[in-house]
Every structure is written in C-alpha cells, then in structure tokens.
PDB file of N, CA and C in Angstrom:
ATOM      1  N   MET A   1      -3.803  15.170  -0.842  1.00  0.00           N
ATOM      2  CA  MET A   1      -2.701  15.452   0.036  1.00  0.00           C
ATOM      3  C   MET A   1      -2.426  14.202   0.890  1.00  0.00           C
ATOM      4  N   PRO A   2      -1.154  13.863   1.104  1.00  0.00           N
ATOM      5  CA  PRO A   2      -0.833  12.658   1.870  1.00  0.00           C
ATOM      6  C   PRO A   2      -1.158  12.797   3.358  1.00  0.00           C
ATOM      7  N   ILE A   3      -1.403  11.662   3.972  1.00  0.00           N
ATOM      8  CA  ILE A   3      -1.637  11.597   5.409  1.00  0.00           C
ATOM      9  C   ILE A   3      -0.417  10.937   6.036  1.00  0.00           C
ATOM     10  N   TYR A   4       0.195  11.623   6.997  1.00  0.00           N
ATOM     11  CA  TYR A   4       1.383  11.106   7.675  1.00  0.00           C
ATOM     12  C   TYR A   4       1.020  10.680   9.092  1.00  0.00           C
ATOM     13  N   GLU A   5       1.655   9.605   9.549  1.00  0.00           N
ATOM     14  CA  GLU A   5       1.455   9.113  10.909  1.00  0.00           C
ATOM     15  C   GLU A   5       2.643   9.534  11.768  1.00  0.00           C
ATOM     16  N   TYR A   6       2.343   9.935  12.990  1.00  0.00           N
ATOM     17  CA  TYR A   6       3.380  10.327  13.947  1.00  0.00           C
ATOM     18  C   TYR A   6       3.134   9.604  15.261  1.00  0.00           C
ATOM     19  N   GLU A   7       4.217   9.442  16.032  1.00  0.00           N
ATOM     20  CA  GLU A   7       4.106   8.867  17.370  1.00  0.00           C
ATOM     21  C   GLU A   7       5.055   9.613  18.305  1.00  0.00           C
ATOM     22  N   CYS A   8       4.554   9.909  19.493  1.00  0.00           N
ATOM     23  CA  CYS A   8       5.342  10.638  20.486  1.00  0.00           C
ATOM     24  C   CYS A   8       6.264   9.672  21.226  1.00  0.00           C
ATOM     25  N   ASP A   9       7.524  10.074  21.400  1.00  0.00           N
ATOM     26  CA  ASP A   9       8.485   9.263  22.154  1.00  0.00           C
ATOM     27  C   ASP A   9       8.201   9.307  23.653  1.00  0.00           C
ATOM     28  N   SER A  10       7.560  10.371  24.133  1.00  0.00           N
ATOM     29  CA  SER A  10       7.309  10.535  25.571  1.00  0.00           C
ATOM     30  C   SER A  10       6.029   9.848  26.031  1.00  0.00           C
ATOM     31  N   CYS A  11       4.903  10.169  25.385  1.00  0.00           N
ATOM     32  CA  CYS A  11       3.604   9.657  25.851  1.00  0.00           C
ATOM     33  C   CYS A  11       3.007   8.585  24.941  1.00  0.00           C
ATOM     34  N   ASN A  12       3.696   8.220  23.862  1.00  0.00           N
ATOM     35  CA  ASN A  12       3.243   7.204  22.901  1.00  0.00           C
ATOM     36  C   ASN A  12       1.945   7.567  22.191  1.00  0.00           C
ATOM     37  N   HIS A  13       1.606   8.848  22.185  1.00  0.00           N
ATOM     38  CA  HIS A  13       0.414   9.310  21.457  1.00  0.00           C
ATOM     39  C   HIS A  13       0.643   9.074  19.965  1.00  0.00           C
ATOM     40  N   HIS A  14      -0.300   8.397  19.321  1.00  0.00           N
ATOM     41  CA  HIS A  14      -0.209   8.070  17.896  1.00  0.00           C
ATOM     42  C   HIS A  14      -1.297   8.869  17.178  1.00  0.00           C
ATOM     43  N   PHE A  15      -0.921   9.602  16.137  1.00  0.00           N
ATOM     44  CA  PHE A  15      -1.909  10.417  15.429  1.00  0.00           C
ATOM     45  C   PHE A  15      -1.521  10.571  13.965  1.00  0.00           C
ATOM     46  N   GLU A  16      -2.495  10.988  13.170  1.00  0.00           N
ATOM     47  CA  GLU A  16      -2.303  11.202  11.735  1.00  0.00           C
ATOM     48  C   GLU A  16      -2.531  12.675  11.412  1.00  0.00           C
ATOM     49  N   VAL A  17      -1.767  13.175  10.444  1.00  0.00           N
ATOM     50  CA  VAL A  17      -1.884  14.573  10.028  1.00  0.00           C
ATOM     51  C   VAL A  17      -1.853  14.630   8.506  1.00  0.00           C
ATOM     52  N   GLU A  18      -2.791  15.372   7.929  1.00  0.00           N
ATOM     53  CA  GLU A  18      -2.785  15.594   6.484  1.00  0.00           C
ATOM     54  C   GLU A  18      -1.860  16.770   6.202  1.00  0.00           C
ATOM     55  N   GLN A  19      -0.777  16.505   5.453  1.00  0.00           N
ATOM     56  CA  GLN A  19       0.219  17.531   5.169  1.00  0.00           C
ATOM     57  C   GLN A  19       0.618  17.474   3.707  1.00  0.00           C
ATOM     58  N   SER A  20       1.048  18.606   3.201  1.00  0.00           N
ATOM     59  CA  SER A  20       1.624  18.650   1.867  1.00  0.00           C
ATOM     60  C   SER A  20       2.992  17.979   1.917  1.00  0.00           C
ATOM     61  N   MET A  21       3.434  17.454   0.791  1.00  0.00           N
ATOM     62  CA  MET A  21       4.755  16.836   0.729  1.00  0.00           C
ATOM     63  C   MET A  21       5.852  17.878   0.920  1.00  0.00           C
ATOM     64  N   ARG A  22       5.534  19.129   0.684  1.00  0.00           N
ATOM     65  CA  ARG A  22       6.506  20.215   0.837  1.00  0.00           C
ATOM     66  C   ARG A  22       6.623  20.707   2.278  1.00  0.00           C
ATOM     67  N   ASP A  23       5.644  20.364   3.124  1.00  0.00           N
ATOM     68  CA  ASP A  23       5.682  20.798   4.525  1.00  0.00           C
ATOM     69  C   ASP A  23       6.796  20.078   5.276  1.00  0.00           C
ATOM     70  N   ASN A  24       7.385  20.768   6.233  1.00  0.00           N
ATOM     71  CA  ASN A  24       8.375  20.136   7.103  1.00  0.00           C
ATOM     72  C   ASN A  24       7.674  19.167   8.051  1.00  0.00           C
ATOM     73  N   PRO A  25       8.328  18.062   8.417  1.00  0.00           N
ATOM     74  CA  PRO A  25       7.714  17.128   9.371  1.00  0.00           C
ATOM     75  C   PRO A  25       7.475  17.807  10.718  1.00  0.00           C
ATOM     76  N   LEU A  26       6.428  17.380  11.407  1.00  0.00           N
ATOM     77  CA  LEU A  26       6.148  17.921  12.736  1.00  0.00           C
ATOM     78  C   LEU A  26       7.218  17.439  13.710  1.00  0.00           C
ATOM     79  N   THR A  27       7.439  18.191  14.772  1.00  0.00           N
ATOM     80  CA  THR A  27       8.472  17.828  15.749  1.00  0.00           C
ATOM     81  C   THR A  27       7.958  17.808  17.182  1.00  0.00           C
ATOM     82  N   GLU A  28       6.738  18.321  17.427  1.00  0.00           N
ATOM     83  CA  GLU A  28       6.231  18.440  18.791  1.00  0.00           C
ATOM     84  C   GLU A  28       4.871  17.767  18.931  1.00  0.00           C
ATOM     85  N   CYS A  29       4.714  16.982  19.983  1.00  0.00           N
ATOM     86  CA  CYS A  29       3.459  16.270  20.255  1.00  0.00           C
ATOM     87  C   CYS A  29       2.362  17.260  20.653  1.00  0.00           C
ATOM     88  N   PRO A  30       1.160  17.132  20.079  1.00  0.00           N
ATOM     89  CA  PRO A  30       0.068  18.039  20.448  1.00  0.00           C
ATOM     90  C   PRO A  30      -0.479  17.758  21.853  1.00  0.00           C
ATOM     91  N   GLU A  31      -0.184  16.576  22.414  1.00  0.00           N
ATOM     92  CA  GLU A  31      -0.690  16.215  23.742  1.00  0.00           C
ATOM     93  C   GLU A  31       0.240  16.666  24.869  1.00  0.00           C
ATOM     94  N   CYS A  32       1.554  16.378  24.722  1.00  0.00           N
ATOM     95  CA  CYS A  32       2.477  16.630  25.840  1.00  0.00           C
ATOM     96  C   CYS A  32       3.665  17.515  25.463  1.00  0.00           C
ATOM     97  N   SER A  33       3.726  17.966  24.225  1.00  0.00           N
ATOM     98  CA  SER A  33       4.828  18.787  23.695  1.00  0.00           C
ATOM     99  C   SER A  33       6.161  18.048  23.648  1.00  0.00           C
ATOM    100  N   GLY A  34       6.105  16.715  23.731  1.00  0.00           N
ATOM    101  CA  GLY A  34       7.324  15.912  23.636  1.00  0.00           C
ATOM    102  C   GLY A  34       7.769  15.755  22.190  1.00  0.00           C
ATOM    103  N   HIS A  35       8.903  15.099  22.008  1.00  0.00           N
ATOM    104  CA  HIS A  35       9.468  14.870  20.671  1.00  0.00           C
ATOM    105  C   HIS A  35       8.681  13.762  19.968  1.00  0.00           C
ATOM    106  N   ILE A  36       8.333  13.996  18.709  1.00  0.00           N
ATOM    107  CA  ILE A  36       7.613  12.982  17.934  1.00  0.00           C
ATOM    108  C   ILE A  36       8.459  12.541  16.750  1.00  0.00           C
ATOM    109  N   ARG A  37       8.101  11.386  16.214  1.00  0.00           N
ATOM    110  CA  ARG A  37       8.771  10.865  15.021  1.00  0.00           C
ATOM    111  C   ARG A  37       7.710  10.367  14.052  1.00  0.00           C
ATOM    112  N   ARG A  38       8.049  10.404  12.788  1.00  0.00           N
ATOM    113  CA  ARG A  38       7.128   9.936  11.755  1.00  0.00           C
ATOM    114  C   ARG A  38       7.160   8.414  11.732  1.00  0.00           C
ATOM    115  N   VAL A  39       5.987   7.803  11.661  1.00  0.00           N
ATOM    116  CA  VAL A  39       5.848   6.353  11.622  1.00  0.00           C
ATOM    117  C   VAL A  39       5.417   5.974  10.215  1.00  0.00           C
ATOM    118  N   PHE A  40       6.037   4.958   9.668  1.00  0.00           N
ATOM    119  CA  PHE A  40       5.655   4.491   8.341  1.00  0.00           C
ATOM    120  C   PHE A  40       4.645   3.369   8.494  1.00  0.00           C
ATOM    121  N   GLY A  41       3.413   3.638   8.071  1.00  0.00           N
ATOM    122  CA  GLY A  41       2.347   2.661   8.182  1.00  0.00           C
ATOM    123  C   GLY A  41       2.422   1.621   7.083  1.00  0.00           C
ATOM    124  N   LEU A  42       1.731   0.531   7.298  1.00  0.00           N
ATOM    125  CA  LEU A  42       1.682  -0.538   6.313  1.00  0.00           C
ATOM    126  C   LEU A  42       0.571  -0.265   5.310  1.00  0.00           C
ATOM    127  N   SER A  43       0.784  -0.686   4.117  1.00  0.00           N
ATOM    128  CA  SER A  43      -0.258  -0.572   3.103  1.00  0.00           C
ATOM    129  C   SER A  43      -0.475  -1.949   2.504  1.00  0.00           C
ATOM    130  N   SER A  44      -1.621  -2.133   1.925  1.00  0.00           N
ATOM    131  CA  SER A  44      -1.907  -3.423   1.311  1.00  0.00           C
ATOM    132  C   SER A  44      -2.277  -3.220  -0.150  1.00  0.00           C
ATOM    133  N   VAL A  45      -1.999  -4.221  -0.935  1.00  0.00           N
ATOM    134  CA  VAL A  45      -2.297  -4.186  -2.357  1.00  0.00           C
ATOM    135  C   VAL A  45      -3.136  -5.411  -2.679  1.00  0.00           C
ATOM    136  N   ILE A  46      -4.203  -5.208  -3.405  1.00  0.00           N
ATOM    137  CA  ILE A  46      -5.064  -6.314  -3.806  1.00  0.00           C
ATOM    138  C   ILE A  46      -5.127  -6.331  -5.321  1.00  0.00           C
ATOM    139  N   PHE A  47      -4.732  -7.442  -5.910  1.00  0.00           N
ATOM    140  CA  PHE A  47      -4.799  -7.603  -7.353  1.00  0.00           C
ATOM    141  C   PHE A  47      -6.079  -8.349  -7.691  1.00  0.00           C
ATOM    142  N   LYS A  48      -6.856  -7.806  -8.601  1.00  0.00           N
ATOM    143  CA  LYS A  48      -8.096  -8.447  -9.030  1.00  0.00           C
ATOM    144  C   LYS A  48      -8.049  -8.639 -10.534  1.00  0.00           C
ATOM    145  N   GLY A  49      -8.824  -9.545 -11.035  1.00  0.00           N
ATOM    146  CA  GLY A  49      -8.858  -9.781 -12.469  1.00  0.00           C
ATOM    147  C   GLY A  49      -8.007 -10.973 -12.855  1.00  0.00           C
ATOM    148  N   SER A  50      -7.674 -11.050 -14.127  1.00  0.00           N
ATOM    149  CA  SER A  50      -6.938 -12.207 -14.633  1.00  0.00           C
ATOM    150  C   SER A  50      -5.489 -12.194 -14.193  1.00  0.00           C
ATOM    151  N   GLY A  51      -4.967 -11.061 -13.834  1.00  0.00           N
ATOM    152  CA  GLY A  51      -3.638 -10.985 -13.260  1.00  0.00           C
ATOM    153  C   GLY A  51      -2.569 -10.503 -14.200  1.00  0.00           C
ATOM    154  N   PHE A  52      -1.630  -9.751 -13.653  1.00  0.00           N
ATOM    155  CA  PHE A  52      -0.520  -9.202 -14.417  1.00  0.00           C
ATOM    156  C   PHE A  52       0.326 -10.314 -15.015  1.00  0.00           C
ATOM    157  N   TYR A  53       0.615 -11.348 -14.251  1.00  0.00           N
ATOM    158  CA  TYR A  53       1.499 -12.406 -14.716  1.00  0.00           C
ATOM    159  C   TYR A  53       0.945 -13.081 -15.970  1.00  0.00           C
ATOM    160  N   CYS A  54      -0.348 -13.343 -16.000  1.00  0.00           N
ATOM    161  CA  CYS A  54      -0.949 -14.059 -17.132  1.00  0.00           C
ATOM    162  C   CYS A  54      -1.131 -13.176 -18.358  1.00  0.00           C
ATOM    163  N   THR A  55      -1.353 -11.898 -18.167  1.00  0.00           N
ATOM    164  CA  THR A  55      -1.706 -11.047 -19.305  1.00  0.00           C
ATOM    165  C   THR A  55      -0.592 -10.136 -19.796  1.00  0.00           C
ATOM    166  N   ASP A  56       0.338  -9.750 -18.945  1.00  0.00           N
ATOM    167  CA  ASP A  56       1.288  -8.708 -19.328  1.00  0.00           C
ATOM    168  C   ASP A  56       2.750  -9.130 -19.406  1.00  0.00           C
ATOM    169  N   THR A  57       3.089 -10.320 -19.019  1.00  0.00           N
ATOM    170  CA  THR A  57       4.496 -10.707 -19.027  1.00  0.00           C
ATOM    171  C   THR A  57       4.836 -11.705 -20.128  1.00  0.00           C
ATOM    172  N   LYS A  58       3.918 -11.958 -21.025  1.00  0.00           N
ATOM    173  CA  LYS A  58       4.188 -12.889 -22.117  1.00  0.00           C
ATOM    174  C   LYS A  58       5.057 -12.226 -23.174  1.00  0.00           C
ATOM    175  N   LYS A  59       5.672 -13.034 -24.006  1.00  0.00           N
ATOM    176  CA  LYS A  59       6.487 -12.503 -25.100  1.00  0.00           C
ATOM    177  C   LYS A  59       5.603 -11.715 -26.054  1.00  0.00           C
ATOM    178  N   SER A  60       6.186 -10.767 -26.771  1.00  0.00           N
ATOM    179  CA  SER A  60       5.412  -9.854 -27.611  1.00  0.00           C
ATOM    180  C   SER A  60       4.645 -10.565 -28.721  1.00  0.00           C
ATOM    181  N   GLY A  61       5.084 -11.713 -29.182  1.00  0.00           N
ATOM    182  CA  GLY A  61       4.399 -12.422 -30.254  1.00  0.00           C
ATOM    183  C   GLY A  61       3.183 -13.201 -29.796  1.00  0.00           C
ATOM    184  N   GLU A  62       3.026 -13.373 -28.504  1.00  0.00           N
ATOM    185  CA  GLU A  62       1.911 -14.156 -27.987  1.00  0.00           C
ATOM    186  C   GLU A  62       0.682 -13.278 -27.793  1.00  0.00           C
ATOM    187  N   ASN A  63      -0.468 -13.912 -27.763  1.00  0.00           N
ATOM    188  CA  ASN A  63      -1.734 -13.222 -27.551  1.00  0.00           C
ATOM    189  C   ASN A  63      -1.776 -12.688 -26.121  1.00  0.00           C
ATOM    190  N   LYS A  64      -2.074 -11.403 -25.945  1.00  0.00           N
ATOM    191  CA  LYS A  64      -2.094 -10.801 -24.618  1.00  0.00           C
ATOM    192  C   LYS A  64      -3.494 -10.703 -24.031  1.00  0.00           C
ATOM    193  N   GLU A  65      -4.475 -11.314 -24.641  1.00  0.00           N
ATOM    194  CA  GLU A  65      -5.815 -11.265 -24.078  1.00  0.00           C
ATOM    195  C   GLU A  65      -5.877 -12.141 -22.841  1.00  0.00           C
ATOM    196  N   ALA A  66      -6.650 -11.719 -21.887  1.00  0.00           N
ATOM    197  CA  ALA A  66      -6.803 -12.494 -20.668  1.00  0.00           C
ATOM    198  C   ALA A  66      -7.571 -13.772 -20.982  1.00  0.00           C
ATOM    199  N   PRO A  67      -7.140 -14.900 -20.444  1.00  0.00           N
ATOM    200  CA  PRO A  67      -7.863 -16.141 -20.673  1.00  0.00           C
ATOM    201  C   PRO A  67      -9.220 -16.092 -19.986  1.00  0.00           C
ATOM    202  N   SER A  68     -10.174 -16.869 -20.496  1.00  0.00           N
ATOM    203  CA  SER A  68     -11.510 -16.843 -19.921  1.00  0.00           C
ATOM    204  C   SER A  68     -11.521 -17.488 -18.539  1.00  0.00           C
ATOM    205  N   ALA A  69     -10.694 -18.490 -18.333  1.00  0.00           N
ATOM    206  CA  ALA A  69     -10.548 -19.100 -17.014  1.00  0.00           C
ATOM    207  C   ALA A  69      -9.138 -18.783 -16.534  1.00  0.00           C
ATOM    208  N   ALA A  70      -8.848 -19.092 -15.307  1.00  0.00           N
ATOM    209  CA  ALA A  70      -7.502 -18.834 -14.786  1.00  0.00           C
ATOM    210  C   ALA A  70      -6.494 -19.637 -15.587  1.00  0.00           C
ATOM    211  N   CYS A  71      -5.363 -19.033 -15.912  1.00  0.00           N
ATOM    212  CA  CYS A  71      -4.359 -19.748 -16.686  1.00  0.00           C
ATOM    213  C   CYS A  71      -3.704 -20.809 -15.813  1.00  0.00           C
ATOM    214  N   ALA A  72      -3.132 -21.810 -16.423  1.00  0.00           N
ATOM    215  CA  ALA A  72      -2.579 -22.954 -15.710  1.00  0.00           C
ATOM    216  C   ALA A  72      -1.378 -22.583 -14.852  1.00  0.00           C
ATOM    217  N   THR A  73      -0.630 -21.541 -15.228  1.00  0.00           N
ATOM    218  CA  THR A  73       0.574 -21.200 -14.475  1.00  0.00           C
ATOM    219  C   THR A  73       0.329 -20.186 -13.371  1.00  0.00           C
ATOM    220  N   CYS A  74      -0.879 -19.602 -13.309  1.00  0.00           N
ATOM    221  CA  CYS A  74      -1.166 -18.594 -12.295  1.00  0.00           C
ATOM    222  C   CYS A  74      -1.755 -19.246 -11.048  1.00  0.00           C
ATOM    223  N   PRO A  75      -1.335 -18.797  -9.854  1.00  0.00           N
ATOM    224  CA  PRO A  75      -1.944 -19.330  -8.639  1.00  0.00           C
ATOM    225  C   PRO A  75      -3.380 -18.823  -8.520  1.00  0.00           C
ATOM    226  N   ALA A  76      -4.208 -19.611  -7.862  1.00  0.00           N
ATOM    227  CA  ALA A  76      -5.605 -19.219  -7.676  1.00  0.00           C
ATOM    228  C   ALA A  76      -5.680 -18.035  -6.731  1.00  0.00           C
ATOM    229  N   ALA A  77      -6.610 -17.136  -6.982  1.00  0.00           N
ATOM    230  CA  ALA A  77      -6.810 -15.979  -6.117  1.00  0.00           C
ATOM    231  C   ALA A  77      -7.428 -16.435  -4.803  1.00  0.00           C
ATOM    232  N   PRO A  78      -7.090 -15.795  -3.683  1.00  0.00           N
ATOM    233  CA  PRO A  78      -7.692 -16.168  -2.405  1.00  0.00           C
ATOM    234  C   PRO A  78      -9.206 -16.039  -2.471  1.00  0.00           C
ATOM    235  N   GLY A  79      -9.882 -17.033  -1.939  1.00  0.00           N
ATOM    236  CA  GLY A  79     -11.334 -16.995  -1.925  1.00  0.00           C
ATOM    237  C   GLY A  79     -11.984 -17.495  -3.199  1.00  0.00           C
ATOM    238  N   SER A  80     -11.180 -17.854  -4.213  1.00  0.00           N
ATOM    239  CA  SER A  80     -11.767 -18.356  -5.449  1.00  0.00           C
ATOM    240  C   SER A  80     -11.799 -19.868  -5.410  1.00  0.00           C
ATOM    241  N   SER A  81     -12.693 -20.440  -6.147  1.00  0.00           N
ATOM    242  CA  SER A  81     -12.768 -21.899  -6.221  1.00  0.00           C
ATOM    243  C   SER A  81     -12.484 -22.323  -7.644  1.00  0.00           C
ATOM    244  N   SER A  82     -11.814 -23.470  -7.799  1.00  0.00           N
ATOM    245  CA  SER A  82     -11.495 -23.927  -9.144  1.00  0.00           C
ATOM    246  C   SER A  82     -12.046 -25.293  -9.406  1.00  0.00           C
TER     247      SER A  82
END
C-alpha cells in the first residue's frame, strides 16, 4: 500500500499515512484540525550494473551481452575507479 505525505497549512505539521490508492485524500490535520494538503516527496533511483545504455539500446543485430569492463561510451558510475 502506498505511503502519502501530508502537510498542514495552519501548523506546518508534516506526516505520512499509509492509504489505499482508492481512499480519498485526507483533509484535516490530526494535530490542529486545520486544512492539510498532500505533499509529493522526492524519490531517488540508483542504477547498478553494466547499465541500460550499454546493454539495451544497441541495434538488434549487435551483441547485447554486457561488456566485462565499462564500455567506452558509458560514463563511469559514481564511486567507481577506472
């Protein structure tokens, strides 16, 4: 079930609630009964491995196996040494 973030317009109380996608959004702050709004949190994505660009975007006639070392056209992953 997704976790939604809310913030109160009156007291700035920030909280998370586990709700079904079918549930209506909350409208009242549990702290002060003021009006709340849903906040969209940031998410991060981490790509690991040989990389989508090197293995999955080549033309269909080319070999799709991941190279043993980083390919020449792919940027180095953060924290890796070459």
